């Protein structure tokens, strides 16, 4: 488990609050956790050549 502390501006806070209310969630933390599932992340090495990265 990872804990993240974020500072939301007023507009972002309103978006999270609305999402929370629409989905009958209890906390903003639950809302953010569900919102994150809409994204797909891909991690690639930035300073390595593909050949070096995939060698075992």
Protein backbone atom coordinates (compact mmCIF):
# COMPACT_ATOMS: atom_id res chain seq x y z
CA UNK A 1 0.00 0.00 0.00
CA UNK A 2 1.19 3.49 -0.82
CA UNK A 3 0.08 6.67 0.89
CA UNK A 4 0.14 9.85 -1.15
CA UNK A 5 -0.51 13.36 0.06
CA UNK A 6 -1.71 15.77 -2.62
CA UNK A 7 -2.74 19.39 -2.58
CA UNK A 8 -5.83 19.97 -4.70
CA UNK A 9 -6.75 23.41 -5.92
CA UNK A 10 -10.34 24.55 -5.48
CA UNK A 11 -11.52 23.26 -8.87
CA UNK A 12 -9.90 19.83 -8.41
CA UNK A 13 -11.35 19.56 -4.92
CA UNK A 14 -14.84 20.29 -6.28
CA UNK A 15 -14.44 17.62 -8.98
CA UNK A 16 -13.44 15.01 -6.39
CA UNK A 17 -16.28 16.06 -4.10
CA UNK A 18 -18.86 15.75 -6.90
CA UNK A 19 -17.49 12.34 -7.93
CA UNK A 20 -17.73 11.24 -4.30
CA UNK A 21 -21.35 12.36 -3.99
CA UNK A 22 -22.48 10.94 -7.35
CA UNK A 23 -21.00 7.54 -6.54
CA UNK A 24 -22.24 7.44 -2.92
CA UNK A 25 -18.74 7.21 -1.49
CA UNK A 26 -17.86 8.14 2.09
CA UNK A 27 -14.52 9.87 1.64
CA UNK A 28 -12.56 11.79 -0.97
CA UNK A 29 -9.85 9.18 -0.61
CA UNK A 30 -12.26 6.51 -1.89
CA UNK A 31 -13.23 8.81 -4.76
CA UNK A 32 -9.63 9.41 -5.81
CA UNK A 33 -8.85 5.67 -5.61
CA UNK A 34 -11.75 4.91 -7.97
CA UNK A 35 -10.86 7.81 -10.30
CA UNK A 36 -7.29 6.54 -10.68
CA UNK A 37 -8.58 3.26 -12.13
CA UNK A 38 -9.66 5.13 -15.28
CA UNK A 39 -6.03 5.64 -16.30
CA UNK A 40 -3.45 3.32 -17.76
CA UNK A 41 0.21 3.84 -16.95
CA UNK A 42 3.17 2.57 -18.92
CA UNK A 43 6.67 2.76 -17.49
CA UNK A 44 9.68 2.77 -19.80
CA UNK A 45 13.33 3.48 -19.09
CA UNK A 46 14.31 6.96 -20.20
CA UNK A 47 18.10 6.92 -20.28
CA UNK A 48 18.76 3.32 -21.30
CA UNK A 49 18.81 1.72 -24.70
CA UNK A 50 16.15 -0.96 -25.23
CA UNK A 51 18.92 -3.49 -25.83
CA UNK A 52 20.57 -2.83 -22.44
CA UNK A 53 17.27 -2.74 -20.57
CA UNK A 54 16.01 -6.10 -21.74
CA UNK A 55 19.24 -8.04 -21.25
CA UNK A 56 19.13 -10.55 -18.39
